[in-house]
Amino acid sequence: MPRVDVFAALANPMRREILVHLQRGPRNVSDLARNFDVGRPAVSEHLQVLRKAQLVREEPRGRERYYHLDPRPLTEVEQWLGAFERYWKQRLGDLERLLDEEDAT
């Protein structure tokens, strides 16, 4: 289970979109704000939520702050969700075998 509440941070579609943009490399708030119909303050607020969830990290460069994607919490979420994926694959496999057995009789 992730150490921080990554799910709450990921619940907002704009935050997920910010993470998509950060996959292409570090960006400052102005660069990120160009992709949305909101101003820099709103983007900054979303970045702070992502930073608290440890999904992004800040890097000061002169007067600007650049944001980097930190995928470690996403890896933890993926591992946590993997257990559910395995459970449902097992259940579907069991159902498929049961249906095959019924068809054979």
PDB file of N, CA and C in Angstrom:
ATOM      1  N   MET A   1       0.852  -1.182   0.000  1.00  0.00           N
ATOM      2  CA  MET A   1       0.000   0.000   0.000  1.00  0.00           C
ATOM      3  C   MET A   1       0.893   1.239   0.000  1.00  0.00           C
ATOM      4  N   PRO A   2       0.564   2.217  -0.845  1.00  0.00           N
ATOM      5  CA  PRO A   2       1.387   3.424  -0.884  1.00  0.00           C
ATOM      6  C   PRO A   2       1.457   4.114   0.471  1.00  0.00           C
ATOM      7  N   ARG A   3       2.608   4.722   0.754  1.00  0.00           N
ATOM      8  CA  ARG A   3       2.840   5.399   2.027  1.00  0.00           C
ATOM      9  C   ARG A   3       1.975   6.636   2.198  1.00  0.00           C
ATOM     10  N   VAL A   4       1.682   7.307   1.136  1.00  0.00           N
ATOM     11  CA  VAL A   4       0.891   8.532   1.192  1.00  0.00           C
ATOM     12  C   VAL A   4      -0.385   8.319   0.397  1.00  0.00           C
ATOM     13  N   ASP A   5      -1.325   9.261   0.547  1.00  0.00           N
ATOM     14  CA  ASP A   5      -2.597   9.081  -0.139  1.00  0.00           C
ATOM     15  C   ASP A   5      -2.492   9.475  -1.604  1.00  0.00           C
ATOM     16  N   VAL A   6      -1.914   8.604  -2.361  1.00  0.00           N
ATOM     17  CA  VAL A   6      -1.740   8.823  -3.796  1.00  0.00           C
ATOM     18  C   VAL A   6      -3.089   8.813  -4.498  1.00  0.00           C
ATOM     19  N   PHE A   7      -3.996   7.982  -4.012  1.00  0.00           N
ATOM     20  CA  PHE A   7      -5.303   7.872  -4.660  1.00  0.00           C
ATOM     21  C   PHE A   7      -6.054   9.204  -4.623  1.00  0.00           C
ATOM     22  N   ALA A   8      -5.987   9.914  -3.518  1.00  0.00           N
ATOM     23  CA  ALA A   8      -6.657  11.216  -3.425  1.00  0.00           C
ATOM     24  C   ALA A   8      -6.050  12.190  -4.428  1.00  0.00           C
ATOM     25  N   ALA A   9      -4.752  12.159  -4.571  1.00  0.00           N
ATOM     26  CA  ALA A   9      -4.095  13.054  -5.539  1.00  0.00           C
ATOM     27  C   ALA A   9      -4.469  12.688  -6.969  1.00  0.00           C
ATOM     28  N   LEU A  10      -4.596  11.400  -7.245  1.00  0.00           N
ATOM     29  CA  LEU A  10      -4.909  10.950  -8.596  1.00  0.00           C
ATOM     30  C   LEU A  10      -6.392  11.073  -8.933  1.00  0.00           C
ATOM     31  N   ALA A  11      -7.228  11.346  -7.936  1.00  0.00           N
ATOM     32  CA  ALA A  11      -8.666  11.424  -8.172  1.00  0.00           C
ATOM     33  C   ALA A  11      -9.045  12.600  -9.070  1.00  0.00           C
ATOM     34  N   ASN A  12      -8.205  13.603  -9.138  1.00  0.00           N
ATOM     35  CA  ASN A  12      -8.511  14.789  -9.936  1.00  0.00           C
ATOM     36  C   ASN A  12      -7.967  14.623 -11.354  1.00  0.00           C
ATOM     37  N   PRO A  13      -8.820  14.765 -12.391  1.00  0.00           N
ATOM     38  CA  PRO A  13      -8.344  14.566 -13.771  1.00  0.00           C
ATOM     39  C   PRO A  13      -7.250  15.537 -14.194  1.00  0.00           C
ATOM     40  N   MET A  14      -7.286  16.754 -13.680  1.00  0.00           N
ATOM     41  CA  MET A  14      -6.241  17.716 -14.067  1.00  0.00           C
ATOM     42  C   MET A  14      -4.887  17.284 -13.509  1.00  0.00           C
ATOM     43  N   ARG A  15      -4.893  16.746 -12.310  1.00  0.00           N
ATOM     44  CA  ARG A  15      -3.616  16.272 -11.738  1.00  0.00           C
ATOM     45  C   ARG A  15      -3.070  15.097 -12.545  1.00  0.00           C
ATOM     46  N   ARG A  16      -3.966  14.215 -12.981  1.00  0.00           N
ATOM     47  CA  ARG A  16      -3.497  13.100 -13.808  1.00  0.00           C
ATOM     48  C   ARG A  16      -2.927  13.631 -15.122  1.00  0.00           C
ATOM     49  N   GLU A  17      -3.568  14.653 -15.689  1.00  0.00           N
ATOM     50  CA  GLU A  17      -3.069  15.239 -16.942  1.00  0.00           C
ATOM     51  C   GLU A  17      -1.711  15.918 -16.723  1.00  0.00           C
ATOM     52  N   ILE A  18      -1.540  16.553 -15.593  1.00  0.00           N
ATOM     53  CA  ILE A  18      -0.232  17.161 -15.279  1.00  0.00           C
ATOM     54  C   ILE A  18       0.842  16.081 -15.259  1.00  0.00           C
ATOM     55  N   LEU A  19       0.531  14.939 -14.667  1.00  0.00           N
ATOM     56  CA  LEU A  19       1.517  13.846 -14.621  1.00  0.00           C
ATOM     57  C   LEU A  19       1.860  13.363 -16.028  1.00  0.00           C
ATOM     58  N   VAL A  20       0.856  13.324 -16.902  1.00  0.00           N
ATOM     59  CA  VAL A  20       1.117  12.920 -18.293  1.00  0.00           C
ATOM     60  C   VAL A  20       2.109  13.887 -18.937  1.00  0.00           C
ATOM     61  N   HIS A  21       1.911  15.172 -18.732  1.00  0.00           N
ATOM     62  CA  HIS A  21       2.836  16.168 -19.307  1.00  0.00           C
ATOM     63  C   HIS A  21       4.234  16.027 -18.715  1.00  0.00           C
ATOM     64  N   LEU A  22       4.304  15.697 -17.432  1.00  0.00           N
ATOM     65  CA  LEU A  22       5.622  15.569 -16.791  1.00  0.00           C
ATOM     66  C   LEU A  22       6.361  14.307 -17.228  1.00  0.00           C
ATOM     67  N   GLN A  23       5.650  13.371 -17.847  1.00  0.00           N
ATOM     68  CA  GLN A  23       6.344  12.194 -18.388  1.00  0.00           C
ATOM     69  C   GLN A  23       7.321  12.603 -19.482  1.00  0.00           C
ATOM     70  N   ARG A  24       7.049  13.726 -20.128  1.00  0.00           N
ATOM     71  CA  ARG A  24       7.907  14.195 -21.238  1.00  0.00           C
ATOM     72  C   ARG A  24       9.130  14.946 -20.736  1.00  0.00           C
ATOM     73  N   GLY A  25       9.188  15.152 -19.437  1.00  0.00           N
ATOM     74  CA  GLY A  25      10.340  15.843 -18.876  1.00  0.00           C
ATOM     75  C   GLY A  25       9.914  16.924 -17.917  1.00  0.00           C
ATOM     76  N   PRO A  26      10.875  17.490 -17.189  1.00  0.00           N
ATOM     77  CA  PRO A  26      10.550  18.526 -16.213  1.00  0.00           C
ATOM     78  C   PRO A  26       9.937  19.757 -16.874  1.00  0.00           C
ATOM     79  N   ARG A  27       9.000  20.375 -16.169  1.00  0.00           N
ATOM     80  CA  ARG A  27       8.319  21.579 -16.660  1.00  0.00           C
ATOM     81  C   ARG A  27       8.161  22.549 -15.500  1.00  0.00           C
ATOM     82  N   ASN A  28       8.126  23.831 -15.820  1.00  0.00           N
ATOM     83  CA  ASN A  28       7.796  24.816 -14.781  1.00  0.00           C
ATOM     84  C   ASN A  28       6.294  25.083 -14.832  1.00  0.00           C
ATOM     85  N   VAL A  29       5.801  25.860 -13.902  1.00  0.00           N
ATOM     86  CA  VAL A  29       4.355  26.091 -13.812  1.00  0.00           C
ATOM     87  C   VAL A  29       3.821  26.753 -15.081  1.00  0.00           C
ATOM     88  N   SER A  30       4.559  27.711 -15.624  1.00  0.00           N
ATOM     89  CA  SER A  30       4.103  28.400 -16.839  1.00  0.00           C
ATOM     90  C   SER A  30       3.953  27.427 -18.002  1.00  0.00           C
ATOM     91  N   ASP A  31       4.930  26.550 -18.171  1.00  0.00           N
ATOM     92  CA  ASP A  31       4.845  25.547 -19.248  1.00  0.00           C
ATOM     93  C   ASP A  31       3.607  24.675 -19.072  1.00  0.00           C
ATOM     94  N   LEU A  32       3.381  24.238 -17.833  1.00  0.00           N
ATOM     95  CA  LEU A  32       2.240  23.360 -17.573  1.00  0.00           C
ATOM     96  C   LEU A  32       0.921  24.098 -17.760  1.00  0.00           C
ATOM     97  N   ALA A  33       0.857  25.359 -17.325  1.00  0.00           N
ATOM     98  CA  ALA A  33      -0.397  26.115 -17.392  1.00  0.00           C
ATOM     99  C   ALA A  33      -0.862  26.329 -18.827  1.00  0.00           C
ATOM    100  N   ARG A  34       0.051  26.317 -19.781  1.00  0.00           N
ATOM    101  CA  ARG A  34      -0.331  26.507 -21.189  1.00  0.00           C
ATOM    102  C   ARG A  34      -1.219  25.375 -21.701  1.00  0.00           C
ATOM    103  N   ASN A  35      -1.214  24.256 -21.012  1.00  0.00           N
ATOM    104  CA  ASN A  35      -2.004  23.099 -21.444  1.00  0.00           C
ATOM    105  C   ASN A  35      -3.418  23.078 -20.868  1.00  0.00           C
ATOM    106  N   PHE A  36      -3.745  24.074 -20.048  1.00  0.00           N
ATOM    107  CA  PHE A  36      -5.029  24.051 -19.358  1.00  0.00           C
ATOM    108  C   PHE A  36      -5.720  25.411 -19.493  1.00  0.00           C
ATOM    109  N   ASP A  37      -7.019  25.409 -19.221  1.00  0.00           N
ATOM    110  CA  ASP A  37      -7.796  26.649 -19.252  1.00  0.00           C
ATOM    111  C   ASP A  37      -7.878  27.284 -17.869  1.00  0.00           C
ATOM    112  N   VAL A  38      -6.857  27.131 -17.098  1.00  0.00           N
ATOM    113  CA  VAL A  38      -6.798  27.739 -15.762  1.00  0.00           C
ATOM    114  C   VAL A  38      -5.478  28.496 -15.657  1.00  0.00           C
ATOM    115  N   GLY A  39      -5.381  29.343 -14.664  1.00  0.00           N
ATOM    116  CA  GLY A  39      -4.177  30.136 -14.485  1.00  0.00           C
ATOM    117  C   GLY A  39      -3.088  29.397 -13.722  1.00  0.00           C
ATOM    118  N   ARG A  40      -1.947  30.044 -13.652  1.00  0.00           N
ATOM    119  CA  ARG A  40      -0.803  29.462 -12.939  1.00  0.00           C
ATOM    120  C   ARG A  40      -1.101  29.148 -11.475  1.00  0.00           C
ATOM    121  N   PRO A  41      -1.854  30.031 -10.751  1.00  0.00           N
ATOM    122  CA  PRO A  41      -2.126  29.687  -9.343  1.00  0.00           C
ATOM    123  C   PRO A  41      -2.860  28.358  -9.175  1.00  0.00           C
ATOM    124  N   ALA A  42      -3.812  28.088 -10.068  1.00  0.00           N
ATOM    125  CA  ALA A  42      -4.543  26.813  -9.975  1.00  0.00           C
ATOM    126  C   ALA A  42      -3.621  25.642 -10.255  1.00  0.00           C
ATOM    127  N   VAL A  43      -2.765  25.792 -11.257  1.00  0.00           N
ATOM    128  CA  VAL A  43      -1.801  24.724 -11.567  1.00  0.00           C
ATOM    129  C   VAL A  43      -0.848  24.526 -10.390  1.00  0.00           C
ATOM    130  N   SER A  44      -0.425  25.624  -9.781  1.00  0.00           N
ATOM    131  CA  SER A  44       0.471  25.533  -8.620  1.00  0.00           C
ATOM    132  C   SER A  44      -0.190  24.767  -7.468  1.00  0.00           C
ATOM    133  N   GLU A  45      -1.478  25.022  -7.256  1.00  0.00           N
ATOM    134  CA  GLU A  45      -2.185  24.302  -6.190  1.00  0.00           C
ATOM    135  C   GLU A  45      -2.216  22.804  -6.467  1.00  0.00           C
ATOM    136  N   HIS A  46      -2.483  22.451  -7.710  1.00  0.00           N
ATOM    137  CA  HIS A  46      -2.496  21.025  -8.065  1.00  0.00           C
ATOM    138  C   HIS A  46      -1.099  20.422  -7.915  1.00  0.00           C
ATOM    139  N   LEU A  47      -0.091  21.175  -8.283  1.00  0.00           N
ATOM    140  CA  LEU A  47       1.282  20.670  -8.132  1.00  0.00           C
ATOM    141  C   LEU A  47       1.639  20.449  -6.659  1.00  0.00           C
ATOM    142  N   GLN A  48       1.121  21.298  -5.791  1.00  0.00           N
ATOM    143  CA  GLN A  48       1.407  21.101  -4.358  1.00  0.00           C
ATOM    144  C   GLN A  48       0.756  19.828  -3.838  1.00  0.00           C
ATOM    145  N   VAL A  49      -0.450  19.534  -4.321  1.00  0.00           N
ATOM    146  CA  VAL A  49      -1.105  18.274  -3.927  1.00  0.00           C
ATOM    147  C   VAL A  49      -0.278  17.089  -4.429  1.00  0.00           C
ATOM    148  N   LEU A  50       0.181  17.181  -5.677  1.00  0.00           N
ATOM    149  CA  LEU A  50       0.998  16.100  -6.244  1.00  0.00           C
ATOM    150  C   LEU A  50       2.336  15.979  -5.504  1.00  0.00           C
ATOM    151  N   ARG A  51       2.881  17.118  -5.097  1.00  0.00           N
ATOM    152  CA  ARG A  51       4.152  17.089  -4.355  1.00  0.00           C
ATOM    153  C   ARG A  51       3.953  16.425  -2.990  1.00  0.00           C
ATOM    154  N   LYS A  52       2.856  16.769  -2.307  1.00  0.00           N
ATOM    155  CA  LYS A  52       2.583  16.150  -1.004  1.00  0.00           C
ATOM    156  C   LYS A  52       2.369  14.641  -1.131  1.00  0.00           C
ATOM    157  N   ALA A  53       1.822  14.220  -2.247  1.00  0.00           N
ATOM    158  CA  ALA A  53       1.633  12.792  -2.503  1.00  0.00           C
ATOM    159  C   ALA A  53       2.914  12.144  -3.020  1.00  0.00           C
ATOM    160  N   GLN A  54       3.969  12.934  -3.143  1.00  0.00           N
ATOM    161  CA  GLN A  54       5.291  12.485  -3.583  1.00  0.00           C
ATOM    162  C   GLN A  54       5.292  11.990  -5.026  1.00  0.00           C
ATOM    163  N   LEU A  55       4.327  12.490  -5.806  1.00  0.00           N
ATOM    164  CA  LEU A  55       4.270  12.119  -7.215  1.00  0.00           C
ATOM    165  C   LEU A  55       5.123  13.045  -8.076  1.00  0.00           C
ATOM    166  N   VAL A  56       5.422  14.232  -7.552  1.00  0.00           N
ATOM    167  CA  VAL A  56       6.321  15.155  -8.241  1.00  0.00           C
ATOM    168  C   VAL A  56       7.318  15.699  -7.220  1.00  0.00           C
ATOM    169  N   ARG A  57       8.442  16.126  -7.751  1.00  0.00           N
ATOM    170  CA  ARG A  57       9.420  16.800  -6.893  1.00  0.00           C
ATOM    171  C   ARG A  57       9.804  18.114  -7.560  1.00  0.00           C
ATOM    172  N   GLU A  58      10.153  19.080  -6.723  1.00  0.00           N
ATOM    173  CA  GLU A  58      10.507  20.407  -7.212  1.00  0.00           C
ATOM    174  C   GLU A  58      12.010  20.538  -7.345  1.00  0.00           C
ATOM    175  N   GLU A  59      12.412  21.285  -8.348  1.00  0.00           N
ATOM    176  CA  GLU A  59      13.825  21.602  -8.519  1.00  0.00           C
ATOM    177  C   GLU A  59      13.931  23.099  -8.780  1.00  0.00           C
ATOM    178  N   PRO A  60      14.482  23.872  -7.847  1.00  0.00           N
ATOM    179  CA  PRO A  60      14.664  25.300  -8.117  1.00  0.00           C
ATOM    180  C   PRO A  60      15.757  25.511  -9.160  1.00  0.00           C
ATOM    181  N   ARG A  61      15.442  26.350 -10.162  1.00  0.00           N
ATOM    182  CA  ARG A  61      16.431  26.742 -11.183  1.00  0.00           C
ATOM    183  C   ARG A  61      16.321  28.247 -11.322  1.00  0.00           C
ATOM    184  N   GLY A  62      17.207  28.952 -10.710  1.00  0.00           N
ATOM    185  CA  GLY A  62      17.119  30.410 -10.734  1.00  0.00           C
ATOM    186  C   GLY A  62      15.857  30.858 -10.027  1.00  0.00           C
ATOM    187  N   ARG A  63      15.041  31.634 -10.740  1.00  0.00           N
ATOM    188  CA  ARG A  63      13.790  32.128 -10.147  1.00  0.00           C
ATOM    189  C   ARG A  63      12.616  31.191 -10.407  1.00  0.00           C
ATOM    190  N   GLU A  64      12.843  30.161 -11.150  1.00  0.00           N
ATOM    191  CA  GLU A  64      11.776  29.209 -11.503  1.00  0.00           C
ATOM    192  C   GLU A  64      11.902  27.921 -10.697  1.00  0.00           C
ATOM    193  N   ARG A  65      10.805  27.230 -10.593  1.00  0.00           N
ATOM    194  CA  ARG A  65      10.804  25.890 -10.004  1.00  0.00           C
ATOM    195  C   ARG A  65      10.344  24.930 -11.089  1.00  0.00           C
ATOM    196  N   TYR A  66      11.128  23.916 -11.301  1.00  0.00           N
ATOM    197  CA  TYR A  66      10.767  22.892 -12.275  1.00  0.00           C
ATOM    198  C   TYR A  66      10.254  21.678 -11.524  1.00  0.00           C
ATOM    199  N   TYR A  67       9.266  21.027 -12.135  1.00  0.00           N
ATOM    200  CA  TYR A  67       8.637  19.858 -11.509  1.00  0.00           C
ATOM    201  C   TYR A  67       8.986  18.617 -12.313  1.00  0.00           C
ATOM    202  N   HIS A  68       9.341  17.589 -11.575  1.00  0.00           N
ATOM    203  CA  HIS A  68       9.710  16.303 -12.164  1.00  0.00           C
ATOM    204  C   HIS A  68       8.704  15.249 -11.707  1.00  0.00           C
ATOM    205  N   LEU A  69       8.364  14.346 -12.584  1.00  0.00           N
ATOM    206  CA  LEU A  69       7.535  13.201 -12.208  1.00  0.00           C
ATOM    207  C   LEU A  69       8.361  12.255 -11.359  1.00  0.00           C
ATOM    208  N   ASP A  70       7.795  11.797 -10.257  1.00  0.00           N
ATOM    209  CA  ASP A  70       8.441  10.773  -9.433  1.00  0.00           C
ATOM    210  C   ASP A  70       7.548   9.542  -9.480  1.00  0.00           C
ATOM    211  N   PRO A  71       7.915   8.524 -10.235  1.00  0.00           N
ATOM    212  CA  PRO A  71       7.015   7.385 -10.446  1.00  0.00           C
ATOM    213  C   PRO A  71       6.951   6.383  -9.297  1.00  0.00           C
ATOM    214  N   ARG A  72       7.772   6.573  -8.265  1.00  0.00           N
ATOM    215  CA  ARG A  72       7.792   5.551  -7.194  1.00  0.00           C
ATOM    216  C   ARG A  72       6.422   5.295  -6.567  1.00  0.00           C
ATOM    217  N   PRO A  73       5.633   6.317  -6.208  1.00  0.00           N
ATOM    218  CA  PRO A  73       4.310   6.011  -5.648  1.00  0.00           C
ATOM    219  C   PRO A  73       3.395   5.280  -6.632  1.00  0.00           C
ATOM    220  N   LEU A  74       3.549   5.570  -7.931  1.00  0.00           N
ATOM    221  CA  LEU A  74       2.728   4.884  -8.928  1.00  0.00           C
ATOM    222  C   LEU A  74       3.102   3.411  -9.010  1.00  0.00           C
ATOM    223  N   THR A  75       4.371   3.109  -8.816  1.00  0.00           N
ATOM    224  CA  THR A  75       4.806   1.715  -8.801  1.00  0.00           C
ATOM    225  C   THR A  75       4.184   0.978  -7.618  1.00  0.00           C
ATOM    226  N   GLU A  76       4.120   1.651  -6.475  1.00  0.00           N
ATOM    227  CA  GLU A  76       3.490   1.031  -5.305  1.00  0.00           C
ATOM    228  C   GLU A  76       1.999   0.790  -5.547  1.00  0.00           C
ATOM    229  N   VAL A  77       1.331   1.739  -6.194  1.00  0.00           N
ATOM    230  CA  VAL A  77      -0.092   1.573  -6.519  1.00  0.00           C
ATOM    231  C   VAL A  77      -0.264   0.402  -7.489  1.00  0.00           C
ATOM    232  N   GLU A  78       0.607   0.332  -8.488  1.00  0.00           N
ATOM    233  CA  GLU A  78       0.543  -0.756  -9.462  1.00  0.00           C
ATOM    234  C   GLU A  78       0.702  -2.106  -8.773  1.00  0.00           C
ATOM    235  N   GLN A  79       1.642  -2.200  -7.852  1.00  0.00           N
ATOM    236  CA  GLN A  79       1.840  -3.455  -7.129  1.00  0.00           C
ATOM    237  C   GLN A  79       0.619  -3.805  -6.283  1.00  0.00           C
ATOM    238  N   TRP A  80       0.027  -2.802  -5.648  1.00  0.00           N
ATOM    239  CA  TRP A  80      -1.152  -3.027  -4.815  1.00  0.00           C
ATOM    240  C   TRP A  80      -2.327  -3.491  -5.674  1.00  0.00           C
ATOM    241  N   LEU A  81      -2.520  -2.831  -6.827  1.00  0.00           N
ATOM    242  CA  LEU A  81      -3.611  -3.208  -7.714  1.00  0.00           C
ATOM    243  C   LEU A  81      -3.368  -4.565  -8.374  1.00  0.00           C
ATOM    244  N   GLY A  82      -2.103  -4.952  -8.513  1.00  0.00           N
ATOM    245  CA  GLY A  82      -1.759  -6.222  -9.131  1.00  0.00           C
ATOM    246  C   GLY A  82      -2.374  -7.402  -8.410  1.00  0.00           C
ATOM    247  N   ALA A  83      -2.494  -7.324  -7.098  1.00  0.00           N
ATOM    248  CA  ALA A  83      -3.110  -8.413  -6.333  1.00  0.00           C
ATOM    249  C   ALA A  83      -4.576  -8.583  -6.745  1.00  0.00           C
ATOM    250  N   PHE A  84      -5.258  -7.488  -6.983  1.00  0.00           N
ATOM    251  CA  PHE A  84      -6.657  -7.567  -7.411  1.00  0.00           C
ATOM    252  C   PHE A  84      -6.761  -8.096  -8.844  1.00  0.00           C
ATOM    253  N   GLU A  85      -5.827  -7.672  -9.672  1.00  0.00           N
ATOM    254  CA  GLU A  85      -5.817  -8.158 -11.046  1.00  0.00           C
ATOM    255  C   GLU A  85      -5.628  -9.672 -11.070  1.00  0.00           C
ATOM    256  N   ARG A  86      -4.681 -10.165 -10.260  1.00  0.00           N
ATOM    257  CA  ARG A  86      -4.460 -11.627 -10.199  1.00  0.00           C
ATOM    258  C   ARG A  86      -5.701 -12.343  -9.681  1.00  0.00           C
ATOM    259  N   TYR A  87      -6.377 -11.768  -8.681  1.00  0.00           N
ATOM    260  CA  TYR A  87      -7.587 -12.368  -8.134  1.00  0.00           C
ATOM    261  C   TYR A  87      -8.647 -12.515  -9.223  1.00  0.00           C
ATOM    262  N   TRP A  88      -8.900 -11.436  -9.974  1.00  0.00           N
ATOM    263  CA  TRP A  88      -9.941 -11.483 -10.988  1.00  0.00           C
ATOM    264  C   TRP A  88      -9.564 -12.370 -12.160  1.00  0.00           C
ATOM    265  N   LYS A  89      -8.302 -12.435 -12.507  1.00  0.00           N
ATOM    266  CA  LYS A  89      -7.876 -13.359 -13.569  1.00  0.00           C
ATOM    267  C   LYS A  89      -8.122 -14.795 -13.140  1.00  0.00           C
ATOM    268  N   GLN A  90      -7.821 -15.097 -11.881  1.00  0.00           N
ATOM    269  CA  GLN A  90      -8.056 -16.443 -11.351  1.00  0.00           C
ATOM    270  C   GLN A  90      -9.542 -16.772 -11.399  1.00  0.00           C
ATOM    271  N   ARG A  91     -10.371 -15.825 -10.972  1.00  0.00           N
ATOM    272  CA  ARG A  91     -11.823 -16.059 -10.959  1.00  0.00           C
ATOM    273  C   ARG A  91     -12.362 -16.254 -12.379  1.00  0.00           C
ATOM    274  N   LEU A  92     -11.914 -15.466 -13.327  1.00  0.00           N
ATOM    275  CA  LEU A  92     -12.358 -15.603 -14.711  1.00  0.00           C
ATOM    276  C   LEU A  92     -11.869 -16.916 -15.314  1.00  0.00           C
ATOM    277  N   GLY A  93     -10.650 -17.318 -14.948  1.00  0.00           N
ATOM    278  CA  GLY A  93     -10.132 -18.603 -15.407  1.00  0.00           C
ATOM    279  C   GLY A  93     -10.971 -19.755 -14.869  1.00  0.00           C
ATOM    280  N   ASP A  94     -11.340 -19.654 -13.583  1.00  0.00           N
ATOM    281  CA  ASP A  94     -12.203 -20.681 -12.980  1.00  0.00           C
ATOM    282  C   ASP A  94     -13.547 -20.739 -13.702  1.00  0.00           C
ATOM    283  N   LEU A  95     -14.119 -19.583 -13.999  1.00  0.00           N
ATOM    284  CA  LEU A  95     -15.410 -19.531 -14.694  1.00  0.00           C
ATOM    285  C   LEU A  95     -15.291 -20.131 -16.092  1.00  0.00           C
ATOM    286  N   GLU A  96     -14.204 -19.800 -16.790  1.00  0.00           N
ATOM    287  CA  GLU A  96     -13.999 -20.331 -18.137  1.00  0.00           C
ATOM    288  C   GLU A  96     -13.877 -21.855 -18.116  1.00  0.00           C
ATOM    289  N   ARG A  97     -13.135 -22.383 -17.134  1.00  0.00           N
ATOM    290  CA  ARG A  97     -13.005 -23.845 -17.021  1.00  0.00           C
ATOM    291  C   ARG A  97     -14.355 -24.487 -16.710  1.00  0.00           C
ATOM    292  N   LEU A  98     -15.143 -23.877 -15.830  1.00  0.00           N
ATOM    293  CA  LEU A  98     -16.463 -24.399 -15.487  1.00  0.00           C
ATOM    294  C   LEU A  98     -17.370 -24.416 -16.713  1.00  0.00           C
ATOM    295  N   LEU A  99     -17.342 -23.355 -17.499  1.00  0.00           N
ATOM    296  CA  LEU A  99     -18.177 -23.303 -18.706  1.00  0.00           C
ATOM    297  C   LEU A  99     -17.727 -24.334 -19.735  1.00  0.00           C
ATOM    298  N   ASP A 100     -16.408 -24.539 -19.861  1.00  0.00           N
ATOM    299  CA  ASP A 100     -15.895 -25.559 -20.775  1.00  0.00           C
ATOM    300  C   ASP A 100     -16.345 -26.942 -20.339  1.00  0.00           C
ATOM    301  N   GLU A 101     -16.321 -27.197 -19.015  1.00  0.00           N
ATOM    302  CA  GLU A 101     -16.759 -28.501 -18.499  1.00  0.00           C
ATOM    303  C   GLU A 101     -18.241 -28.724 -18.767  1.00  0.00           C
ATOM    304  N   GLU A 102     -19.051 -27.676 -18.619  1.00  0.00           N
ATOM    305  CA  GLU A 102     -20.487 -27.804 -18.883  1.00  0.00           C
ATOM    306  C   GLU A 102     -20.753 -28.037 -20.361  1.00  0.00           C
ATOM    307  N   ASP A 103     -19.975 -27.376 -21.228  1.00  0.00           N
ATOM    308  CA  ASP A 103     -20.141 -27.585 -22.668  1.00  0.00           C
ATOM    309  C   ASP A 103     -19.757 -29.006 -23.061  1.00  0.00           C
ATOM    310  N   ALA A 104     -18.783 -29.581 -22.358  1.00  0.00           N
ATOM    311  CA  ALA A 104     -18.302 -30.931 -22.678  1.00  0.00           C
ATOM    312  C   ALA A 104     -19.312 -32.001 -22.264  1.00  0.00           C
ATOM    313  N   THR A 105     -20.194 -31.685 -21.321  1.00  0.00           N
ATOM    314  CA  THR A 105     -21.140 -32.722 -20.855  1.00  0.00           C
ATOM    315  C   THR A 105     -22.422 -32.727 -21.645  1.00  0.00           C
TER     316      THR A 105
END
